[in-house]
Amino acid sequence: MSLGRGVLYVASATGLALLVRSIAFKPLPLWIALVAFGLYAAIVLGGVLAPQLEMYASVVWRGPHRSTSVALTFDDGPHPEHTRRVLDVLDDYGVKACFFVLGSKAERHPEIVGEIVARGHEVGIHGYEHDRLLSLRSPKRIEAELARALAVVEQATGKRPTMLRPPVGHVSPRTETAASRLGLDIVAWSVRGRDGLAKATASAVTARVVRGLRPGAIILLHDAAEHDDRRPVAAEALPAILRAAAGQGLSFALVSEYVEARFGEAEEA
């Protein structure tokens, strides 16, 4: 059991015990009830906002502890110019990565999705549209959006993706239900460059990622801006990041290897 799920169970049991006490004996003072409710709401929301807690789903957010590698992932593409710049840098260093693409953009640029795969990289989905509230939608709507993205990518590559990074990384019980029905493994991250911010600079992104380099790290960067309204800095930051990882003796793995290691170990146990 994950720490996040354990915290949720304890919080739920405590809340239930307080409710029973209030019914069976003397009601709690209003301020105590409000504080208890606020804390519980914060815990529940925290589980959605922080997928690494694995409160509502099994999430791959880092590699095995014995790993000597890191994994690169990119969100919000594809883009005909910016994604190719990232691909060129990766080719120069002989590194492979996973691109979590948006179905709507993949529909506009299927040739870029095909090129990602042709160059030896992996493709996962990031939803159809970048709906920041997707985790709060109905299970039916979430499943429909993810299925639509899957169909677009499968048509472009001939292969159905098996990995999902939800928009903004938010994971609710509804996200888990939809992903499970579609056979998708949820992937988060342990290091984020925050290169998706409008004020991001290559030097700041590089410094942030390098500080977080650890064996098994899953690095989150962007090969396109969310709304395609600016030029992302990931391609400029990449060379220094790749050199820093190599300097620490870290190799690069595909994130699917981490997924396989995680769930393979779970099946063996």
C-alpha atoms as a PDB file:
ATOM      1  CA  MET A   1       0.000   0.000   0.000  1.00  0.00           C
ATOM      2  CA  SER A   2       1.262   3.464  -0.864  1.00  0.00           C
ATOM      3  CA  LEU A   3       1.837   6.073   1.806  1.00  0.00           C
ATOM      4  CA  GLY A   4      -0.811   8.309   0.255  1.00  0.00           C
ATOM      5  CA  ARG A   5      -3.451   5.592   0.316  1.00  0.00           C
ATOM      6  CA  GLY A   6      -2.566   4.760   3.900  1.00  0.00           C
ATOM      7  CA  VAL A   7      -2.993   8.404   4.886  1.00  0.00           C
ATOM      8  CA  LEU A   8      -6.379   8.499   3.142  1.00  0.00           C
ATOM      9  CA  TYR A   9      -7.560   5.385   4.956  1.00  0.00           C
ATOM     10  CA  VAL A  10      -6.467   6.726   8.330  1.00  0.00           C
ATOM     11  CA  ALA A  11      -8.079  10.115   7.659  1.00  0.00           C
ATOM     12  CA  SER A  12     -11.317   8.456   6.532  1.00  0.00           C
ATOM     13  CA  ALA A  13     -11.403   6.185   9.565  1.00  0.00           C
ATOM     14  CA  THR A  14     -10.755   9.139  11.867  1.00  0.00           C
ATOM     15  CA  GLY A  15     -13.516  11.160  10.234  1.00  0.00           C
ATOM     16  CA  LEU A  16     -15.942   8.261  10.561  1.00  0.00           C
ATOM     17  CA  ALA A  17     -15.014   7.811  14.229  1.00  0.00           C
ATOM     18  CA  LEU A  18     -15.660  11.498  14.908  1.00  0.00           C
ATOM     19  CA  LEU A  19     -19.029  11.265  13.161  1.00  0.00           C
ATOM     20  CA  VAL A  20     -20.059   8.223  15.198  1.00  0.00           C
ATOM     21  CA  ARG A  21     -18.966   9.939  18.396  1.00  0.00           C
ATOM     22  CA  SER A  22     -21.021  13.019  17.520  1.00  0.00           C
ATOM     23  CA  ILE A  23     -24.107  10.899  16.849  1.00  0.00           C
ATOM     24  CA  ALA A  24     -23.749   8.552  19.808  1.00  0.00           C
ATOM     25  CA  PHE A  25     -22.574  11.058  22.362  1.00  0.00           C
ATOM     26  CA  LYS A  26     -22.186  14.803  22.492  1.00  0.00           C
ATOM     27  CA  PRO A  27     -21.738  16.640  19.148  1.00  0.00           C
ATOM     28  CA  LEU A  28     -18.304  18.084  18.549  1.00  0.00           C
ATOM     29  CA  PRO A  29     -17.838  21.842  18.893  1.00  0.00           C
ATOM     30  CA  LEU A  30     -18.379  23.543  15.560  1.00  0.00           C
ATOM     31  CA  TRP A  31     -14.795  24.761  15.273  1.00  0.00           C
ATOM     32  CA  ILE A  32     -13.419  21.252  15.756  1.00  0.00           C
ATOM     33  CA  ALA A  33     -15.814  19.863  13.150  1.00  0.00           C
ATOM     34  CA  LEU A  34     -14.817  22.578  10.670  1.00  0.00           C
ATOM     35  CA  VAL A  35     -11.098  22.004  11.260  1.00  0.00           C
ATOM     36  CA  ALA A  36     -11.513  18.252  10.861  1.00  0.00           C
ATOM     37  CA  PHE A  37     -13.488  18.716   7.638  1.00  0.00           C
ATOM     38  CA  GLY A  38     -10.905  21.160   6.283  1.00  0.00           C
ATOM     39  CA  LEU A  39      -8.035  18.788   7.008  1.00  0.00           C
ATOM     40  CA  TYR A  40      -9.830  15.890   5.370  1.00  0.00           C
ATOM     41  CA  ALA A  41     -10.666  17.976   2.292  1.00  0.00           C
ATOM     42  CA  ALA A  42      -7.015  19.041   2.047  1.00  0.00           C
ATOM     43  CA  ILE A  43      -5.866  15.417   2.195  1.00  0.00           C
ATOM     44  CA  VAL A  44      -8.357  14.336  -0.479  1.00  0.00           C
ATOM     45  CA  LEU A  45      -7.396  17.228  -2.774  1.00  0.00           C
ATOM     46  CA  GLY A  46      -3.698  16.702  -2.139  1.00  0.00           C
ATOM     47  CA  GLY A  47      -4.019  13.174  -3.448  1.00  0.00           C
ATOM     48  CA  VAL A  48      -5.372  14.505  -6.746  1.00  0.00           C
ATOM     49  CA  LEU A  49      -2.779  17.265  -7.131  1.00  0.00           C
ATOM     50  CA  ALA A  50       0.248  15.147  -6.162  1.00  0.00           C
ATOM     51  CA  PRO A  51       0.183  11.913  -8.203  1.00  0.00           C
ATOM     52  CA  GLN A  52       3.402  10.785  -6.515  1.00  0.00           C
ATOM     53  CA  LEU A  53       1.359  10.093  -3.367  1.00  0.00           C
ATOM     54  CA  GLU A  54      -0.411   7.305  -5.281  1.00  0.00           C
ATOM     55  CA  MET A  55      -3.510   7.938  -3.199  1.00  0.00           C
ATOM     56  CA  TYR A  56      -6.022   6.911  -5.853  1.00  0.00           C
ATOM     57  CA  ALA A  57      -3.995   4.894  -8.352  1.00  0.00           C
ATOM     58  CA  SER A  58      -0.723   3.096  -8.852  1.00  0.00           C
ATOM     59  CA  VAL A  59       1.492   5.681 -10.533  1.00  0.00           C
ATOM     60  CA  VAL A  60       4.974   5.221 -11.952  1.00  0.00           C
ATOM     61  CA  TRP A  61       6.833   8.371 -10.943  1.00  0.00           C
ATOM     62  CA  ARG A  62      10.353   7.030 -10.552  1.00  0.00           C
ATOM     63  CA  GLY A  63      12.401   4.039 -11.597  1.00  0.00           C
ATOM     64  CA  PRO A  64      13.569   1.123  -9.478  1.00  0.00           C
ATOM     65  CA  HIS A  65      15.807   1.950  -6.512  1.00  0.00           C
ATOM     66  CA  ARG A  66      18.565  -0.187  -8.019  1.00  0.00           C
ATOM     67  CA  SER A  67      18.451   1.778 -11.270  1.00  0.00           C
ATOM     68  CA  THR A  68      21.521   3.510 -12.673  1.00  0.00           C
ATOM     69  CA  SER A  69      19.524   5.393 -15.290  1.00  0.00           C
ATOM     70  CA  VAL A  70      17.052   8.253 -15.670  1.00  0.00           C
ATOM     71  CA  ALA A  71      14.133   8.644 -18.083  1.00  0.00           C
ATOM     72  CA  LEU A  72      13.277  11.680 -20.188  1.00  0.00           C
ATOM     73  CA  THR A  73       9.657  12.558 -20.921  1.00  0.00           C
ATOM     74  CA  PHE A  74       8.091  15.404 -22.887  1.00  0.00           C
ATOM     75  CA  ASP A  75       4.548  16.776 -22.724  1.00  0.00           C
ATOM     76  CA  ASP A  76       2.170  18.940 -24.784  1.00  0.00           C
ATOM     77  CA  GLY A  77       3.347  18.104 -28.296  1.00  0.00           C
ATOM     78  CA  PRO A  78       3.582  17.393 -31.076  1.00  0.00           C
ATOM     79  CA  HIS A  79       4.639  20.580 -32.826  1.00  0.00           C
ATOM     80  CA  PRO A  80       6.141  20.558 -36.345  1.00  0.00           C
ATOM     81  CA  GLU A  81       9.031  22.833 -35.415  1.00  0.00           C
ATOM     82  CA  HIS A  82       9.653  22.533 -31.685  1.00  0.00           C
ATOM     83  CA  THR A  83       9.262  18.752 -31.413  1.00  0.00           C
ATOM     84  CA  ARG A  84      11.724  18.271 -34.257  1.00  0.00           C
ATOM     85  CA  ARG A  85      14.258  20.516 -32.492  1.00  0.00           C
ATOM     86  CA  VAL A  86      14.018  18.288 -29.429  1.00  0.00           C
ATOM     87  CA  LEU A  87      14.291  15.170 -31.572  1.00  0.00           C
ATOM     88  CA  ASP A  88      17.421  16.529 -33.258  1.00  0.00           C
ATOM     89  CA  VAL A  89      19.128  17.163 -29.925  1.00  0.00           C
ATOM     90  CA  LEU A  90      18.212  13.692 -28.689  1.00  0.00           C
ATOM     91  CA  ASP A  91      19.591  12.200 -31.903  1.00  0.00           C
ATOM     92  CA  ASP A  92      22.843  14.118 -31.469  1.00  0.00           C
ATOM     93  CA  TYR A  93      23.330  12.523 -28.023  1.00  0.00           C
ATOM     94  CA  GLY A  94      21.907   9.113 -28.872  1.00  0.00           C
ATOM     95  CA  VAL A  95      19.199   9.370 -26.203  1.00  0.00           C
ATOM     96  CA  LYS A  96      15.655   8.039 -26.406  1.00  0.00           C
ATOM     97  CA  ALA A  97      12.631   9.527 -24.618  1.00  0.00           C
ATOM     98  CA  CYS A  98       8.873   9.242 -24.224  1.00  0.00           C
ATOM     99  CA  PHE A  99       6.559  11.882 -25.686  1.00  0.00           C
ATOM    100  CA  PHE A 100       3.140  12.253 -24.064  1.00  0.00           C
ATOM    101  CA  VAL A 101       1.161  13.812 -26.888  1.00  0.00           C
ATOM    102  CA  LEU A 102      -2.159  15.615 -27.018  1.00  0.00           C
ATOM    103  CA  GLY A 103      -4.650  13.923 -29.300  1.00  0.00           C
ATOM    104  CA  SER A 104      -5.838  17.198 -30.851  1.00  0.00           C
ATOM    105  CA  LYS A 105      -2.293  18.169 -31.831  1.00  0.00           C
ATOM    106  CA  ALA A 106      -1.484  14.654 -33.017  1.00  0.00           C
ATOM    107  CA  GLU A 107      -4.556  14.848 -35.226  1.00  0.00           C
ATOM    108  CA  ARG A 108      -3.190  18.036 -36.820  1.00  0.00           C
ATOM    109  CA  HIS A 109       0.376  16.706 -37.120  1.00  0.00           C
ATOM    110  CA  PRO A 110       0.248  12.910 -37.496  1.00  0.00           C
ATOM    111  CA  GLU A 111       3.502  12.988 -39.438  1.00  0.00           C
ATOM    112  CA  ILE A 112       5.336  14.292 -36.358  1.00  0.00           C
ATOM    113  CA  VAL A 113       3.949  11.492 -34.200  1.00  0.00           C
ATOM    114  CA  GLY A 114       5.097   9.027 -36.821  1.00  0.00           C
ATOM    115  CA  GLU A 115       8.522  10.660 -36.877  1.00  0.00           C
ATOM    116  CA  ILE A 116       8.848  10.370 -33.096  1.00  0.00           C
ATOM    117  CA  VAL A 117       8.337   6.622 -33.351  1.00  0.00           C
ATOM    118  CA  ALA A 118      10.511   6.294 -36.461  1.00  0.00           C
ATOM    119  CA  ARG A 119      13.397   7.883 -34.556  1.00  0.00           C
ATOM    120  CA  GLY A 120      13.108   5.244 -31.860  1.00  0.00           C
ATOM    121  CA  HIS A 121      11.163   7.066 -29.171  1.00  0.00           C
ATOM    122  CA  GLU A 122       8.012   6.142 -27.283  1.00  0.00           C
ATOM    123  CA  VAL A 123       4.606   7.776 -27.437  1.00  0.00           C
ATOM    124  CA  GLY A 124       2.084   7.991 -24.632  1.00  0.00           C
ATOM    125  CA  ILE A 125      -1.047  10.125 -24.403  1.00  0.00           C
ATOM    126  CA  HIS A 126      -1.661  13.348 -22.486  1.00  0.00           C
ATOM    127  CA  GLY A 127      -5.381  13.516 -23.173  1.00  0.00           C
ATOM    128  CA  TYR A 128      -7.109  14.791 -26.289  1.00  0.00           C
ATOM    129  CA  GLU A 129      -7.350  18.428 -25.255  1.00  0.00           C
ATOM    130  CA  HIS A 130      -5.258  19.787 -22.404  1.00  0.00           C
ATOM    131  CA  ASP A 131      -8.242  19.870 -20.070  1.00  0.00           C
ATOM    132  CA  ARG A 132      -6.842  20.989 -16.718  1.00  0.00           C
ATOM    133  CA  LEU A 133      -9.999  19.826 -14.964  1.00  0.00           C
ATOM    134  CA  LEU A 134     -10.138  16.426 -16.638  1.00  0.00           C
ATOM    135  CA  SER A 135      -9.637  14.551 -13.350  1.00  0.00           C
ATOM    136  CA  LEU A 136     -12.890  16.085 -12.066  1.00  0.00           C
ATOM    137  CA  ARG A 137     -15.004  15.202 -15.095  1.00  0.00           C
ATOM    138  CA  SER A 138     -17.375  12.263 -15.194  1.00  0.00           C
ATOM    139  CA  PRO A 139     -15.764   8.832 -15.666  1.00  0.00           C
ATOM    140  CA  LYS A 140     -17.560   8.510 -19.001  1.00  0.00           C
ATOM    141  CA  ARG A 141     -16.186  11.812 -20.276  1.00  0.00           C
ATOM    142  CA  ILE A 142     -12.645  11.036 -19.120  1.00  0.00           C
ATOM    143  CA  GLU A 143     -12.729   7.649 -20.798  1.00  0.00           C
ATOM    144  CA  ALA A 144     -14.106   9.137 -24.009  1.00  0.00           C
ATOM    145  CA  GLU A 145     -11.370  11.781 -24.164  1.00  0.00           C
ATOM    146  CA  LEU A 146      -8.604   9.286 -23.539  1.00  0.00           C
ATOM    147  CA  ALA A 147     -10.057   6.823 -26.035  1.00  0.00           C
ATOM    148  CA  ARG A 148     -10.178   9.572 -28.653  1.00  0.00           C
ATOM    149  CA  ALA A 149      -6.505  10.378 -28.098  1.00  0.00           C
ATOM    150  CA  LEU A 150      -5.598   6.697 -28.269  1.00  0.00           C
ATOM    151  CA  ALA A 151      -7.376   6.298 -31.592  1.00  0.00           C
ATOM    152  CA  VAL A 152      -5.564   9.281 -33.114  1.00  0.00           C
ATOM    153  CA  VAL A 153      -2.118   8.060 -32.063  1.00  0.00           C
ATOM    154  CA  GLU A 154      -2.826   4.485 -33.106  1.00  0.00           C
ATOM    155  CA  GLN A 155      -3.852   5.690 -36.538  1.00  0.00           C
ATOM    156  CA  ALA A 156      -0.657   7.763 -36.855  1.00  0.00           C
ATOM    157  CA  THR A 157       1.747   5.072 -35.646  1.00  0.00           C
ATOM    158  CA  GLY A 158      -0.017   1.762 -36.120  1.00  0.00           C
ATOM    159  CA  LYS A 159       0.447   1.036 -32.428  1.00  0.00           C
ATOM    160  CA  ARG A 160      -1.854   1.684 -29.488  1.00  0.00           C
ATOM    161  CA  PRO A 161      -0.164   3.577 -26.608  1.00  0.00           C
ATOM    162  CA  THR A 162      -0.164   1.962 -23.175  1.00  0.00           C
ATOM    163  CA  MET A 163       0.913   4.929 -21.036  1.00  0.00           C
ATOM    164  CA  LEU A 164      -0.949   7.995 -19.825  1.00  0.00           C
ATOM    165  CA  ARG A 165       0.195  11.213 -18.232  1.00  0.00           C
ATOM    166  CA  PRO A 166      -3.019  13.076 -17.321  1.00  0.00           C
ATOM    167  CA  PRO A 167      -3.157  16.815 -18.031  1.00  0.00           C
ATOM    168  CA  VAL A 168      -1.302  18.689 -15.252  1.00  0.00           C
ATOM    169  CA  GLY A 169      -0.624  15.246 -13.760  1.00  0.00           C
ATOM    170  CA  HIS A 170      -3.802  15.267 -11.685  1.00  0.00           C
ATOM    171  CA  VAL A 171      -5.037  11.799 -10.737  1.00  0.00           C
ATOM    172  CA  SER A 172      -8.452  11.203  -9.205  1.00  0.00           C
ATOM    173  CA  PRO A 173     -10.369   7.946  -8.657  1.00  0.00           C
ATOM    174  CA  ARG A 174     -12.180   8.780 -11.901  1.00  0.00           C
ATOM    175  CA  THR A 175      -8.866   9.053 -13.756  1.00  0.00           C
ATOM    176  CA  GLU A 176      -7.849   5.665 -12.410  1.00  0.00           C
ATOM    177  CA  THR A 177     -11.140   4.090 -13.469  1.00  0.00           C
ATOM    178  CA  ALA A 178     -10.877   5.380 -17.035  1.00  0.00           C
ATOM    179  CA  ALA A 179      -7.198   4.459 -17.351  1.00  0.00           C
ATOM    180  CA  SER A 180      -7.852   0.971 -16.028  1.00  0.00           C
ATOM    181  CA  ARG A 181     -10.701   0.378 -18.467  1.00  0.00           C
ATOM    182  CA  LEU A 182      -8.480   1.447 -21.364  1.00  0.00           C
ATOM    183  CA  GLY A 183      -5.465  -0.562 -20.224  1.00  0.00           C
ATOM    184  CA  LEU A 184      -3.312   2.499 -19.562  1.00  0.00           C
ATOM    185  CA  ASP A 185      -0.508   2.791 -17.012  1.00  0.00           C
ATOM    186  CA  ILE A 186      -0.286   6.224 -15.377  1.00  0.00           C
ATOM    187  CA  VAL A 187       3.128   7.902 -15.466  1.00  0.00           C
ATOM    188  CA  ALA A 188       4.084  10.978 -13.439  1.00  0.00           C
ATOM    189  CA  TRP A 189       7.568  12.365 -12.696  1.00  0.00           C
ATOM    190  CA  SER A 190      10.111  12.918  -9.960  1.00  0.00           C
ATOM    191  CA  VAL A 191      11.843  15.937 -11.535  1.00  0.00           C
ATOM    192  CA  ARG A 192      10.165  18.746 -13.439  1.00  0.00           C
ATOM    193  CA  GLY A 193      11.991  21.492 -15.278  1.00  0.00           C
ATOM    194  CA  ARG A 194       9.075  23.939 -15.110  1.00  0.00           C
ATOM    195  CA  ASP A 195       9.940  24.812 -18.685  1.00  0.00           C
ATOM    196  CA  GLY A 196       6.239  25.119 -19.395  1.00  0.00           C
ATOM    197  CA  LEU A 197       6.150  28.470 -17.609  1.00  0.00           C
ATOM    198  CA  ALA A 198       6.113  31.551 -19.812  1.00  0.00           C
ATOM    199  CA  LYS A 199       9.104  33.079 -17.999  1.00  0.00           C
ATOM    200  CA  ALA A 200      11.225  29.927 -18.059  1.00  0.00           C
ATOM    201  CA  THR A 201      14.834  30.232 -19.196  1.00  0.00           C
ATOM    202  CA  ALA A 202      17.111  27.476 -20.400  1.00  0.00           C
ATOM    203  CA  SER A 203      19.609  28.108 -17.589  1.00  0.00           C
ATOM    204  CA  ALA A 204      16.932  27.972 -14.880  1.00  0.00           C
ATOM    205  CA  VAL A 205      15.424  24.800 -16.332  1.00  0.00           C
ATOM    206  CA  THR A 206      18.818  23.162 -16.570  1.00  0.00           C
ATOM    207  CA  ALA A 207      19.701  24.047 -12.981  1.00  0.00           C
ATOM    208  CA  ARG A 208      16.389  22.740 -11.677  1.00  0.00           C
ATOM    209  CA  VAL A 209      16.642  19.420 -13.498  1.00  0.00           C
ATOM    210  CA  VAL A 210      20.301  18.878 -12.629  1.00  0.00           C
ATOM    211  CA  ARG A 211      19.540  19.425  -8.932  1.00  0.00           C
ATOM    212  CA  GLY A 212      17.001  16.643  -9.124  1.00  0.00           C
ATOM    213  CA  LEU A 213      19.072  14.111 -11.034  1.00  0.00           C
ATOM    214  CA  ARG A 214      19.028  10.839  -9.108  1.00  0.00           C
ATOM    215  CA  PRO A 215      19.156   7.216 -10.222  1.00  0.00           C
ATOM    216  CA  GLY A 216      15.674   6.317 -11.407  1.00  0.00           C
ATOM    217  CA  ALA A 217      14.503   9.906 -11.906  1.00  0.00           C
ATOM    218  CA  ILE A 218      11.723  10.554 -14.396  1.00  0.00           C
ATOM    219  CA  ILE A 219      12.270  14.004 -15.883  1.00  0.00           C
ATOM    220  CA  LEU A 220       9.361  16.112 -17.114  1.00  0.00           C
ATOM    221  CA  LEU A 221      10.003  18.616 -19.901  1.00  0.00           C
ATOM    222  CA  HIS A 222       7.910  20.024 -22.773  1.00  0.00           C
ATOM    223  CA  ASP A 223       8.485  19.724 -26.508  1.00  0.00           C
ATOM    224  CA  ALA A 224       5.713  22.245 -27.174  1.00  0.00           C
ATOM    225  CA  ALA A 225       3.886  25.028 -25.372  1.00  0.00           C
ATOM    226  CA  GLU A 226       0.432  24.116 -24.154  1.00  0.00           C
ATOM    227  CA  HIS A 227      -1.264  26.559 -26.538  1.00  0.00           C
ATOM    228  CA  ASP A 228       1.547  26.662 -29.136  1.00  0.00           C
ATOM    229  CA  ASP A 229       1.876  30.377 -28.438  1.00  0.00           C
ATOM    230  CA  ARG A 230       5.599  30.490 -27.720  1.00  0.00           C
ATOM    231  CA  ARG A 231       8.855  28.664 -28.198  1.00  0.00           C
ATOM    232  CA  PRO A 232       9.655  26.250 -25.346  1.00  0.00           C
ATOM    233  CA  VAL A 233      13.183  26.241 -23.939  1.00  0.00           C
ATOM    234  CA  ALA A 234      13.601  22.478 -23.483  1.00  0.00           C
ATOM    235  CA  ALA A 235      15.680  22.066 -26.647  1.00  0.00           C
ATOM    236  CA  GLU A 236      18.106  24.737 -25.419  1.00  0.00           C
ATOM    237  CA  ALA A 237      18.337  23.202 -21.943  1.00  0.00           C
ATOM    238  CA  LEU A 238      18.695  19.607 -23.110  1.00  0.00           C
ATOM    239  CA  PRO A 239      22.414  19.490 -24.030  1.00  0.00           C
ATOM    240  CA  ALA A 240      23.510  20.651 -20.583  1.00  0.00           C
ATOM    241  CA  ILE A 241      21.056  18.280 -18.891  1.00  0.00           C
ATOM    242  CA  LEU A 242      22.272  15.329 -20.934  1.00  0.00           C
ATOM    243  CA  ARG A 243      25.919  16.150 -20.231  1.00  0.00           C
ATOM    244  CA  ALA A 244      25.221  16.512 -16.509  1.00  0.00           C
ATOM    245  CA  ALA A 245      23.535  13.110 -16.374  1.00  0.00           C
ATOM    246  CA  ALA A 246      26.419  11.503 -18.230  1.00  0.00           C
ATOM    247  CA  GLY A 247      28.844  13.217 -15.849  1.00  0.00           C
ATOM    248  CA  GLN A 248      27.083  11.521 -12.939  1.00  0.00           C
ATOM    249  CA  GLY A 249      27.388   8.142 -14.625  1.00  0.00           C
ATOM    250  CA  LEU A 250      23.674   7.964 -15.391  1.00  0.00           C
ATOM    251  CA  SER A 251      22.399   6.329 -18.548  1.00  0.00           C
ATOM    252  CA  PHE A 252      18.998   6.945 -20.150  1.00  0.00           C
ATOM    253  CA  ALA A 253      16.174   4.425 -20.064  1.00  0.00           C
ATOM    254  CA  LEU A 254      12.781   4.432 -21.711  1.00  0.00           C
ATOM    255  CA  VAL A 255      10.041   5.114 -19.210  1.00  0.00           C
ATOM    256  CA  SER A 256       8.286   1.927 -20.345  1.00  0.00           C
ATOM    257  CA  GLU A 257      11.184   0.033 -18.765  1.00  0.00           C
ATOM    258  CA  TYR A 258      10.325   1.615 -15.425  1.00  0.00           C
ATOM    259  CA  VAL A 259       6.654   0.766 -15.920  1.00  0.00           C
ATOM    260  CA  GLU A 260       7.523  -2.848 -16.706  1.00  0.00           C
ATOM    261  CA  ALA A 261       9.864  -3.067 -13.719  1.00  0.00           C
ATOM    262  CA  ARG A 262       7.232  -1.613 -11.380  1.00  0.00           C
ATOM    263  CA  PHE A 263       4.340  -3.802 -12.367  1.00  0.00           C
ATOM    264  CA  GLY A 264       6.478  -6.833 -13.118  1.00  0.00           C
ATOM    265  CA  GLU A 265       7.753  -6.725  -9.526  1.00  0.00           C
ATOM    266  CA  ALA A 266       4.185  -6.298  -8.261  1.00  0.00           C
ATOM    267  CA  GLU A 267       3.038  -9.415 -10.157  1.00  0.00           C
ATOM    268  CA  GLU A 268       5.957 -11.452  -8.847  1.00  0.00           C
ATOM    269  CA  ALA A 269       5.223 -10.376  -5.288  1.00  0.00           C
END
